[in-house]
N, C-alpha and C. Protein backbone atom coordinates (compact mmCIF):
# COMPACT_ATOMS: atom_id res chain seq x y z
N MET A 1 0.81 -1.20 0.00
CA MET A 1 0.00 0.00 0.00
C MET A 1 0.85 1.27 0.00
N THR A 2 2.15 1.13 0.04
CA THR A 2 3.01 2.32 0.01
C THR A 2 3.51 2.56 -1.40
N PHE A 3 3.94 3.78 -1.64
CA PHE A 3 4.51 4.21 -2.92
C PHE A 3 3.51 4.15 -4.07
N ASN A 4 2.25 4.37 -3.82
CA ASN A 4 1.22 4.43 -4.84
C ASN A 4 0.70 5.86 -4.94
N TYR A 5 0.05 6.17 -6.05
CA TYR A 5 -0.45 7.53 -6.23
C TYR A 5 -1.39 7.95 -5.11
N PHE A 6 -2.12 7.00 -4.53
CA PHE A 6 -3.09 7.37 -3.50
C PHE A 6 -2.45 7.54 -2.12
N THR A 7 -1.14 7.32 -2.01
CA THR A 7 -0.46 7.57 -0.73
C THR A 7 0.47 8.78 -0.85
N LEU A 8 0.45 9.45 -1.98
CA LEU A 8 1.32 10.60 -2.22
C LEU A 8 0.48 11.87 -2.36
N PRO A 9 1.11 13.02 -2.14
CA PRO A 9 0.36 14.29 -2.20
C PRO A 9 0.13 14.80 -3.63
N VAL A 10 -0.46 13.98 -4.48
CA VAL A 10 -0.77 14.38 -5.85
C VAL A 10 -2.22 14.00 -6.17
N THR A 11 -2.76 14.68 -7.14
CA THR A 11 -4.08 14.33 -7.66
C THR A 11 -3.89 13.95 -9.12
N VAL A 12 -4.18 12.71 -9.46
CA VAL A 12 -4.01 12.24 -10.83
C VAL A 12 -5.32 12.49 -11.58
N ALA A 13 -5.20 13.20 -12.71
CA ALA A 13 -6.37 13.53 -13.52
C ALA A 13 -6.01 13.38 -15.00
N SER A 14 -7.00 13.38 -15.85
CA SER A 14 -6.75 13.20 -17.28
C SER A 14 -5.85 14.29 -17.85
N ASN A 15 -5.88 15.49 -17.27
CA ASN A 15 -5.02 16.56 -17.80
C ASN A 15 -3.55 16.39 -17.41
N ASP A 16 -3.22 15.34 -16.66
CA ASP A 16 -1.82 15.01 -16.38
C ASP A 16 -1.17 14.31 -17.57
N PHE A 17 -1.98 13.87 -18.53
CA PHE A 17 -1.49 13.07 -19.64
C PHE A 17 -1.67 13.80 -20.97
N VAL A 18 -0.74 13.55 -21.89
CA VAL A 18 -0.84 14.12 -23.23
C VAL A 18 -2.15 13.66 -23.87
N THR A 19 -2.42 12.36 -23.79
CA THR A 19 -3.68 11.82 -24.29
C THR A 19 -3.97 10.48 -23.61
N LEU A 20 -5.22 10.19 -23.49
CA LEU A 20 -5.66 8.88 -23.00
C LEU A 20 -6.54 8.21 -24.07
N ASP A 21 -6.34 8.60 -25.32
CA ASP A 21 -7.09 8.06 -26.45
C ASP A 21 -6.65 6.62 -26.72
N GLU A 22 -7.49 5.67 -26.33
CA GLU A 22 -7.17 4.25 -26.43
C GLU A 22 -7.02 3.77 -27.87
N SER A 23 -7.54 4.50 -28.84
CA SER A 23 -7.40 4.08 -30.24
C SER A 23 -5.93 4.08 -30.67
N LEU A 24 -5.10 4.85 -29.99
CA LEU A 24 -3.67 4.88 -30.32
C LEU A 24 -2.99 3.55 -30.02
N LEU A 25 -3.59 2.76 -29.15
CA LEU A 25 -3.01 1.46 -28.79
C LEU A 25 -3.06 0.46 -29.94
N MET A 26 -3.79 0.77 -30.98
CA MET A 26 -3.90 -0.11 -32.13
C MET A 26 -2.96 0.30 -33.27
N ALA A 27 -2.08 1.26 -33.02
CA ALA A 27 -1.15 1.72 -34.06
C ALA A 27 -0.24 0.56 -34.49
N PRO A 28 0.14 0.55 -35.75
CA PRO A 28 1.01 -0.54 -36.22
C PRO A 28 2.42 -0.43 -35.64
N ARG A 29 3.10 -1.56 -35.60
CA ARG A 29 4.49 -1.58 -35.13
C ARG A 29 5.37 -0.82 -36.11
N GLN A 30 6.54 -0.43 -35.62
CA GLN A 30 7.52 0.22 -36.48
C GLN A 30 8.05 -0.80 -37.48
N THR A 31 8.73 -0.33 -38.53
CA THR A 31 9.23 -1.22 -39.58
C THR A 31 10.21 -2.26 -39.05
N ASN A 32 10.90 -1.95 -37.94
CA ASN A 32 11.84 -2.91 -37.36
C ASN A 32 11.17 -3.86 -36.37
N GLY A 33 9.85 -3.73 -36.19
CA GLY A 33 9.11 -4.61 -35.29
C GLY A 33 8.89 -4.05 -33.90
N ASP A 34 9.54 -2.95 -33.56
CA ASP A 34 9.35 -2.34 -32.25
C ASP A 34 7.93 -1.78 -32.12
N LEU A 35 7.49 -1.66 -30.89
CA LEU A 35 6.20 -1.02 -30.65
C LEU A 35 6.25 0.42 -31.12
N PRO A 36 5.13 0.98 -31.54
CA PRO A 36 5.13 2.37 -32.01
C PRO A 36 5.33 3.35 -30.86
N TYR A 37 5.93 4.49 -31.15
CA TYR A 37 6.02 5.55 -30.16
C TYR A 37 4.71 6.34 -30.26
N ILE A 38 3.93 6.33 -29.20
CA ILE A 38 2.66 7.06 -29.17
C ILE A 38 2.62 7.89 -27.90
N ASN A 39 1.74 8.85 -27.85
CA ASN A 39 1.63 9.73 -26.68
C ASN A 39 0.66 9.24 -25.62
N PHE A 40 0.10 8.07 -25.81
CA PHE A 40 -0.86 7.54 -24.84
C PHE A 40 -0.21 7.39 -23.47
N ALA A 41 -0.82 7.97 -22.46
CA ALA A 41 -0.41 7.87 -21.05
C ALA A 41 0.95 8.51 -20.75
N ARG A 42 1.44 9.35 -21.64
CA ARG A 42 2.68 10.10 -21.36
C ARG A 42 2.31 11.37 -20.61
N LEU A 43 3.12 11.71 -19.62
CA LEU A 43 2.83 12.88 -18.79
C LEU A 43 3.05 14.19 -19.54
N THR A 44 2.24 15.18 -19.20
CA THR A 44 2.45 16.52 -19.72
C THR A 44 3.51 17.21 -18.86
N ASN A 45 4.07 18.30 -19.36
CA ASN A 45 5.11 18.99 -18.59
C ASN A 45 4.56 19.70 -17.37
N THR A 46 3.25 19.80 -17.22
CA THR A 46 2.65 20.45 -16.05
C THR A 46 2.10 19.46 -15.04
N SER A 47 2.30 18.18 -15.28
CA SER A 47 1.75 17.16 -14.39
C SER A 47 2.41 17.18 -13.02
N ASP A 48 1.60 17.04 -11.96
CA ASP A 48 2.17 16.95 -10.62
C ASP A 48 2.63 15.53 -10.31
N CYS A 49 2.62 14.65 -11.33
CA CYS A 49 3.12 13.27 -11.17
C CYS A 49 4.61 13.17 -11.50
N ILE A 50 5.21 14.27 -11.93
CA ILE A 50 6.63 14.29 -12.28
C ILE A 50 7.47 14.47 -11.02
N ASN A 51 8.49 13.63 -10.89
CA ASN A 51 9.47 13.70 -9.79
C ASN A 51 8.88 13.49 -8.40
N VAL A 52 7.81 12.71 -8.27
CA VAL A 52 7.24 12.45 -6.94
C VAL A 52 7.22 10.97 -6.59
N GLY A 53 7.81 10.13 -7.45
CA GLY A 53 7.86 8.71 -7.18
C GLY A 53 8.98 8.35 -6.22
N THR A 54 9.15 7.08 -5.97
CA THR A 54 10.16 6.57 -5.06
C THR A 54 11.23 5.82 -5.85
N ASN A 55 12.48 6.11 -5.57
CA ASN A 55 13.59 5.45 -6.24
C ASN A 55 13.66 4.00 -5.80
N LEU A 56 13.36 3.10 -6.72
CA LEU A 56 13.44 1.66 -6.45
C LEU A 56 14.58 1.02 -7.21
N GLY A 57 15.49 1.84 -7.73
CA GLY A 57 16.66 1.33 -8.41
C GLY A 57 16.57 1.29 -9.92
N PHE A 58 15.46 1.74 -10.49
CA PHE A 58 15.32 1.79 -11.94
C PHE A 58 15.75 3.16 -12.44
N ALA A 59 16.13 3.23 -13.70
CA ALA A 59 16.58 4.50 -14.28
C ALA A 59 15.44 5.51 -14.30
N PHE A 60 15.77 6.77 -14.04
CA PHE A 60 14.80 7.85 -14.14
C PHE A 60 15.50 9.14 -14.47
N TYR A 61 14.74 10.13 -14.91
CA TYR A 61 15.27 11.43 -15.26
C TYR A 61 14.73 12.44 -14.27
N GLY A 62 15.59 13.28 -13.73
CA GLY A 62 15.15 14.30 -12.79
C GLY A 62 15.53 13.95 -11.37
N SER A 63 14.87 14.58 -10.40
CA SER A 63 15.22 14.42 -8.99
C SER A 63 14.62 13.17 -8.36
N ALA A 64 13.60 12.60 -8.97
CA ALA A 64 12.95 11.39 -8.47
C ALA A 64 12.19 10.76 -9.63
N PRO A 65 11.84 9.49 -9.52
CA PRO A 65 11.04 8.87 -10.59
C PRO A 65 9.68 9.55 -10.71
N ASP A 66 9.12 9.44 -11.89
CA ASP A 66 7.77 9.96 -12.13
C ASP A 66 6.76 8.86 -11.84
N LEU A 67 5.53 9.25 -11.57
CA LEU A 67 4.44 8.28 -11.46
C LEU A 67 3.90 8.04 -12.86
N GLY A 68 3.57 6.82 -13.16
CA GLY A 68 3.01 6.51 -14.46
C GLY A 68 3.86 5.52 -15.22
N ALA A 69 3.43 5.23 -16.41
CA ALA A 69 4.08 4.21 -17.23
C ALA A 69 5.38 4.69 -17.86
N PHE A 70 5.50 6.01 -18.07
CA PHE A 70 6.65 6.54 -18.78
C PHE A 70 7.31 7.65 -17.99
N GLU A 71 8.62 7.71 -18.07
CA GLU A 71 9.39 8.76 -17.43
C GLU A 71 9.35 10.00 -18.32
N PHE A 72 9.06 11.15 -17.72
CA PHE A 72 9.04 12.41 -18.46
C PHE A 72 10.46 12.93 -18.54
N GLY A 73 10.91 13.28 -19.74
CA GLY A 73 12.26 13.80 -19.93
C GLY A 73 12.24 15.05 -20.77
N PRO A 74 13.41 15.48 -21.21
CA PRO A 74 13.50 16.74 -21.98
C PRO A 74 12.60 16.77 -23.21
N THR A 75 12.40 15.64 -23.86
CA THR A 75 11.54 15.62 -25.04
C THR A 75 10.32 14.74 -24.84
N ASN A 76 10.22 14.07 -23.70
CA ASN A 76 9.15 13.11 -23.41
C ASN A 76 9.14 11.97 -24.42
N ALA A 77 10.28 11.72 -25.03
CA ALA A 77 10.41 10.63 -26.00
C ALA A 77 11.33 9.55 -25.44
N PRO A 78 11.27 8.35 -25.99
CA PRO A 78 12.18 7.32 -25.52
C PRO A 78 13.62 7.80 -25.65
N SER A 79 14.43 7.55 -24.66
CA SER A 79 15.80 8.04 -24.68
C SER A 79 16.77 6.98 -24.19
N PRO A 80 17.74 6.61 -25.03
CA PRO A 80 18.74 5.65 -24.58
C PRO A 80 19.73 6.26 -23.60
N THR A 81 19.67 7.57 -23.38
CA THR A 81 20.63 8.22 -22.48
C THR A 81 20.21 8.11 -21.03
N ILE A 82 18.98 7.70 -20.75
CA ILE A 82 18.55 7.52 -19.37
C ILE A 82 19.02 6.13 -18.93
N SER A 83 20.16 6.08 -18.26
CA SER A 83 20.71 4.78 -17.93
C SER A 83 21.14 4.64 -16.48
N ASN A 84 21.36 5.74 -15.77
CA ASN A 84 21.81 5.67 -14.39
C ASN A 84 20.73 6.14 -13.43
N PRO A 85 20.32 5.28 -12.50
CA PRO A 85 19.26 5.68 -11.57
C PRO A 85 19.61 6.98 -10.85
N GLY A 86 18.71 7.94 -10.94
CA GLY A 86 18.85 9.18 -10.20
C GLY A 86 19.76 10.21 -10.81
N GLN A 87 20.39 9.90 -11.92
CA GLN A 87 21.30 10.88 -12.51
C GLN A 87 20.51 11.83 -13.40
N THR A 88 20.76 13.12 -13.28
CA THR A 88 20.04 14.09 -14.11
C THR A 88 20.91 14.61 -15.21
């Protein structure tokens, strides 16, 4: 029951995300077979879910992990440079 959105001082709402349009989940894979890059469930730059998570040893960008499926970074895009837990 610890380290969940309901135990932290944030309010999670639809405006925390770029989009919650489920139709994006049906996008075709990339030509190399990777999953498509879509904005579904990615945090907006104004979300109070950024930097309020708990460091459990996984890589993150910023002062603390973000809440949600994806880490918010400088471009909010997948980044191979996020490799060291807690390093900004």
